[in-house]
Amino acid sequence: MNQKRTVCFQEIDSKAYHDEIFVDLTIYDVPVSLLEEFAEKVVRSDYPSGVNEAIKDLLRKAIQEHQKDANIVGFRGSVGDVYER
């Protein structure tokens, strides 16, 4: 399979994470139009370092949302009467 790298997806600057183990990630079956729109609307304006940083940020946000949702579901309390003096 021939892969074409879009200019806006090139990494400009990569950070060093000395305490992390890194993996290469390949995503299949993503429409070109979706990648182009993501690059134009999200990566280009918010992530000058490239798509890698944008995807890592999306992963972090998804984890935070999941944790927040888990905290809401796990919350149990009681409702009492409130009186105004």
C-alpha atoms as a PDB file:
ATOM      1  CA  MET A   1       0.000   0.000   0.000  1.00  0.00           C
ATOM      2  CA  ASN A   2       1.341   3.415  -0.966  1.00  0.00           C
ATOM      3  CA  GLN A   3       1.160   5.967   1.811  1.00  0.00           C
ATOM      4  CA  LYS A   4       1.163   9.678   1.165  1.00  0.00           C
ATOM      5  CA  ARG A   5       2.084  12.059   3.960  1.00  0.00           C
ATOM      6  CA  THR A   6       0.154  15.325   3.923  1.00  0.00           C
ATOM      7  CA  VAL A   7       2.272  18.403   4.633  1.00  0.00           C
ATOM      8  CA  CYS A   8       0.152  19.508   7.593  1.00  0.00           C
ATOM      9  CA  PHE A   9       0.717  16.119   9.260  1.00  0.00           C
ATOM     10  CA  GLN A  10       4.486  16.408   9.382  1.00  0.00           C
ATOM     11  CA  GLU A  11       6.000  16.741  12.803  1.00  0.00           C
ATOM     12  CA  ILE A  12       7.740  20.076  13.238  1.00  0.00           C
ATOM     13  CA  ASP A  13       9.046  19.665  16.737  1.00  0.00           C
ATOM     14  CA  SER A  14       9.022  16.541  18.890  1.00  0.00           C
ATOM     15  CA  LYS A  15       9.262  16.567  22.662  1.00  0.00           C
ATOM     16  CA  ALA A  16      11.499  14.251  24.635  1.00  0.00           C
ATOM     17  CA  TYR A  17       9.751  12.021  27.164  1.00  0.00           C
ATOM     18  CA  HIS A  18      12.513  10.224  29.019  1.00  0.00           C
ATOM     19  CA  ASP A  19      10.209   8.241  31.320  1.00  0.00           C
ATOM     20  CA  GLU A  20       7.861   6.863  28.667  1.00  0.00           C
ATOM     21  CA  ILE A  21       7.812   3.862  26.365  1.00  0.00           C
ATOM     22  CA  PHE A  22       6.588   4.781  22.903  1.00  0.00           C
ATOM     23  CA  VAL A  23       4.715   2.766  20.314  1.00  0.00           C
ATOM     24  CA  ASP A  24       4.048   3.399  16.654  1.00  0.00           C
ATOM     25  CA  LEU A  25       0.350   3.592  15.874  1.00  0.00           C
ATOM     26  CA  THR A  26      -1.211   2.894  12.500  1.00  0.00           C
ATOM     27  CA  ILE A  27      -4.839   3.767  11.923  1.00  0.00           C
ATOM     28  CA  TYR A  28      -6.673   2.086   9.055  1.00  0.00           C
ATOM     29  CA  ASP A  29      -9.832   2.909   7.130  1.00  0.00           C
ATOM     30  CA  VAL A  30      -9.951   6.634   7.852  1.00  0.00           C
ATOM     31  CA  PRO A  31     -11.436   8.652   4.993  1.00  0.00           C
ATOM     32  CA  VAL A  32      -9.034  11.149   3.455  1.00  0.00           C
ATOM     33  CA  SER A  33     -11.695  13.852   3.710  1.00  0.00           C
ATOM     34  CA  LEU A  34     -11.913  13.313   7.487  1.00  0.00           C
ATOM     35  CA  LEU A  35      -8.140  13.590   7.892  1.00  0.00           C
ATOM     36  CA  GLU A  36      -8.002  16.692   5.716  1.00  0.00           C
ATOM     37  CA  GLU A  37     -10.815  18.364   7.653  1.00  0.00           C
ATOM     38  CA  PHE A  38      -9.156  17.433  10.970  1.00  0.00           C
ATOM     39  CA  ALA A  39      -5.866  18.862   9.711  1.00  0.00           C
ATOM     40  CA  GLU A  40      -7.439  22.093   8.497  1.00  0.00           C
ATOM     41  CA  LYS A  41      -9.786  22.787  11.411  1.00  0.00           C
ATOM     42  CA  VAL A  42      -7.950  21.329  14.398  1.00  0.00           C
ATOM     43  CA  VAL A  43      -4.291  20.590  13.763  1.00  0.00           C
ATOM     44  CA  ARG A  44      -3.334  23.647  11.750  1.00  0.00           C
ATOM     45  CA  SER A  45      -4.930  26.136  14.154  1.00  0.00           C
ATOM     46  CA  ASP A  46      -4.396  24.487  17.549  1.00  0.00           C
ATOM     47  CA  TYR A  47      -1.412  22.143  17.190  1.00  0.00           C
ATOM     48  CA  PRO A  48       1.504  23.693  15.319  1.00  0.00           C
ATOM     49  CA  SER A  49       3.675  20.729  16.343  1.00  0.00           C
ATOM     50  CA  GLY A  50       1.535  18.407  14.234  1.00  0.00           C
ATOM     51  CA  VAL A  51      -1.059  15.689  14.230  1.00  0.00           C
ATOM     52  CA  ASN A  52       0.777  13.490  16.759  1.00  0.00           C
ATOM     53  CA  GLU A  53       0.309  16.072  19.481  1.00  0.00           C
ATOM     54  CA  ALA A  54      -3.336  16.558  18.479  1.00  0.00           C
ATOM     55  CA  ILE A  55      -4.056  12.830  18.704  1.00  0.00           C
ATOM     56  CA  LYS A  56      -2.240  12.513  22.039  1.00  0.00           C
ATOM     57  CA  ASP A  57      -4.312  15.410  23.354  1.00  0.00           C
ATOM     58  CA  LEU A  58      -7.529  13.755  22.129  1.00  0.00           C
ATOM     59  CA  LEU A  59      -6.510  10.534  23.904  1.00  0.00           C
ATOM     60  CA  ARG A  60      -5.849  12.444  27.151  1.00  0.00           C
ATOM     61  CA  LYS A  61      -9.182  14.278  26.898  1.00  0.00           C
ATOM     62  CA  ALA A  62     -11.055  11.024  26.279  1.00  0.00           C
ATOM     63  CA  ILE A  63      -9.460   9.493  29.389  1.00  0.00           C
ATOM     64  CA  GLN A  64     -10.347  12.565  31.472  1.00  0.00           C
ATOM     65  CA  GLU A  65     -13.948  12.470  30.223  1.00  0.00           C
ATOM     66  CA  HIS A  66     -14.195   8.785  31.039  1.00  0.00           C
ATOM     67  CA  GLN A  67     -12.862   9.396  34.557  1.00  0.00           C
ATOM     68  CA  LYS A  68     -15.231  12.325  35.040  1.00  0.00           C
ATOM     69  CA  ASP A  69     -18.191  10.236  33.855  1.00  0.00           C
ATOM     70  CA  ALA A  70     -17.148   7.384  36.156  1.00  0.00           C
ATOM     71  CA  ASN A  71     -17.058   9.793  39.104  1.00  0.00           C
ATOM     72  CA  ILE A  72     -20.538  11.092  38.293  1.00  0.00           C
ATOM     73  CA  VAL A  73     -21.993   7.580  37.951  1.00  0.00           C
ATOM     74  CA  GLY A  74     -20.295   6.491  41.167  1.00  0.00           C
ATOM     75  CA  PHE A  75     -21.600   9.480  43.157  1.00  0.00           C
ATOM     76  CA  ARG A  76     -24.225   8.619  45.725  1.00  0.00           C
ATOM     77  CA  GLY A  77     -25.741  11.098  48.069  1.00  0.00           C
ATOM     78  CA  SER A  78     -28.956  12.095  49.702  1.00  0.00           C
ATOM     79  CA  VAL A  79     -31.302  14.965  49.174  1.00  0.00           C
ATOM     80  CA  GLY A  80     -32.474  16.762  52.262  1.00  0.00           C
ATOM     81  CA  ASP A  81     -34.906  19.557  52.901  1.00  0.00           C
ATOM     82  CA  VAL A  82     -33.560  23.072  52.642  1.00  0.00           C
ATOM     83  CA  TYR A  83     -35.253  25.738  54.764  1.00  0.00           C
ATOM     84  CA  GLU A  84     -34.870  29.447  54.299  1.00  0.00           C
ATOM     85  CA  ARG A  85     -34.723  31.592  57.463  1.00  0.00           C
END
